[in-house]
């Protein structure tokens, strides 16, 4: 079974191209709520648009703001 790939452009347009955490409109990335490696789906129900800074916070790589997750 092939997994449905969701276009990043489609998602960004659908969500008005802004970070869902801080609402910034630059350095955006697609974040899977449940990682694909953990069985998460590659569809709009498992995807959030985050800026790089918020992505780092969510993943715990921004040590200063790790507690804001």
C-alpha atoms as a PDB file:
ATOM      1  CA  UNK A   1       0.000   0.000   0.000  1.00  0.00           C
ATOM      2  CA  UNK A   2       1.430   3.373  -0.960  1.00  0.00           C
ATOM      3  CA  UNK A   3       1.185   6.269   1.432  1.00  0.00           C
ATOM      4  CA  UNK A   4      -0.579   9.415   0.256  1.00  0.00           C
ATOM      5  CA  UNK A   5       1.962  12.229   0.082  1.00  0.00           C
ATOM      6  CA  UNK A   6       0.635  15.646   1.019  1.00  0.00           C
ATOM      7  CA  UNK A   7       2.037  18.619  -0.833  1.00  0.00           C
ATOM      8  CA  UNK A   8       3.749  21.077   1.500  1.00  0.00           C
ATOM      9  CA  UNK A   9       2.609  23.906  -0.723  1.00  0.00           C
ATOM     10  CA  UNK A  10      -1.024  22.782  -0.439  1.00  0.00           C
ATOM     11  CA  UNK A  11      -0.801  22.628   3.341  1.00  0.00           C
ATOM     12  CA  UNK A  12       0.920  25.996   3.629  1.00  0.00           C
ATOM     13  CA  UNK A  13      -1.724  27.611   1.449  1.00  0.00           C
ATOM     14  CA  UNK A  14      -4.533  25.897   3.330  1.00  0.00           C
ATOM     15  CA  UNK A  15      -3.245  27.188   6.665  1.00  0.00           C
ATOM     16  CA  UNK A  16      -2.541  30.687   5.330  1.00  0.00           C
ATOM     17  CA  UNK A  17       1.207  30.034   5.491  1.00  0.00           C
ATOM     18  CA  UNK A  18       1.869  30.824   9.121  1.00  0.00           C
ATOM     19  CA  UNK A  19       3.236  28.965  12.116  1.00  0.00           C
ATOM     20  CA  UNK A  20       0.454  27.353  14.124  1.00  0.00           C
ATOM     21  CA  UNK A  21       2.294  28.134  17.393  1.00  0.00           C
ATOM     22  CA  UNK A  22       3.575  31.703  17.039  1.00  0.00           C
ATOM     23  CA  UNK A  23       1.877  32.855  13.807  1.00  0.00           C
ATOM     24  CA  UNK A  24       5.114  33.955  12.125  1.00  0.00           C
ATOM     25  CA  UNK A  25       5.124  33.682   8.355  1.00  0.00           C
ATOM     26  CA  UNK A  26       8.761  32.888   7.584  1.00  0.00           C
ATOM     27  CA  UNK A  27      11.032  29.825   7.860  1.00  0.00           C
ATOM     28  CA  UNK A  28       8.066  27.453   7.821  1.00  0.00           C
ATOM     29  CA  UNK A  29       8.299  23.685   7.897  1.00  0.00           C
ATOM     30  CA  UNK A  30       5.904  20.759   7.928  1.00  0.00           C
ATOM     31  CA  UNK A  31       5.819  18.976  11.303  1.00  0.00           C
ATOM     32  CA  UNK A  32       4.322  15.511  11.755  1.00  0.00           C
ATOM     33  CA  UNK A  33       2.510  15.326  15.121  1.00  0.00           C
ATOM     34  CA  UNK A  34       3.138  11.571  15.246  1.00  0.00           C
ATOM     35  CA  UNK A  35       6.393  10.793  13.428  1.00  0.00           C
ATOM     36  CA  UNK A  36       6.150   8.628  10.341  1.00  0.00           C
ATOM     37  CA  UNK A  37       8.688   6.290  11.959  1.00  0.00           C
ATOM     38  CA  UNK A  38       6.220   5.771  14.829  1.00  0.00           C
ATOM     39  CA  UNK A  39       3.321   4.919  12.545  1.00  0.00           C
ATOM     40  CA  UNK A  40       2.061   8.457  11.958  1.00  0.00           C
ATOM     41  CA  UNK A  41       0.218   9.156   8.749  1.00  0.00           C
ATOM     42  CA  UNK A  42       1.452  11.469   6.037  1.00  0.00           C
ATOM     43  CA  UNK A  43      -1.815  13.356   5.703  1.00  0.00           C
ATOM     44  CA  UNK A  44      -3.376  16.615   6.848  1.00  0.00           C
ATOM     45  CA  UNK A  45      -4.678  15.113  10.110  1.00  0.00           C
ATOM     46  CA  UNK A  46      -1.105  14.476  11.313  1.00  0.00           C
ATOM     47  CA  UNK A  47       0.582  17.647  10.081  1.00  0.00           C
ATOM     48  CA  UNK A  48       1.176  21.060  11.619  1.00  0.00           C
ATOM     49  CA  UNK A  49       2.938  24.019  10.045  1.00  0.00           C
ATOM     50  CA  UNK A  50       5.656  25.373  12.336  1.00  0.00           C
ATOM     51  CA  UNK A  51       8.453  27.873  11.925  1.00  0.00           C
ATOM     52  CA  UNK A  52      11.956  26.497  12.500  1.00  0.00           C
ATOM     53  CA  UNK A  53      12.165  28.035  15.981  1.00  0.00           C
ATOM     54  CA  UNK A  54       8.901  26.451  17.138  1.00  0.00           C
ATOM     55  CA  UNK A  55       9.890  23.159  15.500  1.00  0.00           C
ATOM     56  CA  UNK A  56      13.056  23.191  17.620  1.00  0.00           C
ATOM     57  CA  UNK A  57      11.033  23.946  20.751  1.00  0.00           C
ATOM     58  CA  UNK A  58       8.608  21.090  20.059  1.00  0.00           C
ATOM     59  CA  UNK A  59      11.489  18.686  19.456  1.00  0.00           C
ATOM     60  CA  UNK A  60      13.303  19.892  22.551  1.00  0.00           C
ATOM     61  CA  UNK A  61      16.345  21.238  20.742  1.00  0.00           C
ATOM     62  CA  UNK A  62      15.763  24.815  21.955  1.00  0.00           C
ATOM     63  CA  UNK A  63      16.831  24.339  25.561  1.00  0.00           C
ATOM     64  CA  UNK A  64      15.771  27.842  26.649  1.00  0.00           C
ATOM     65  CA  UNK A  65      12.112  27.251  25.787  1.00  0.00           C
ATOM     66  CA  UNK A  66      11.781  23.488  26.150  1.00  0.00           C
ATOM     67  CA  UNK A  67       9.261  23.951  28.984  1.00  0.00           C
ATOM     68  CA  UNK A  68       6.847  25.825  26.682  1.00  0.00           C
ATOM     69  CA  UNK A  69       5.831  22.719  24.724  1.00  0.00           C
END
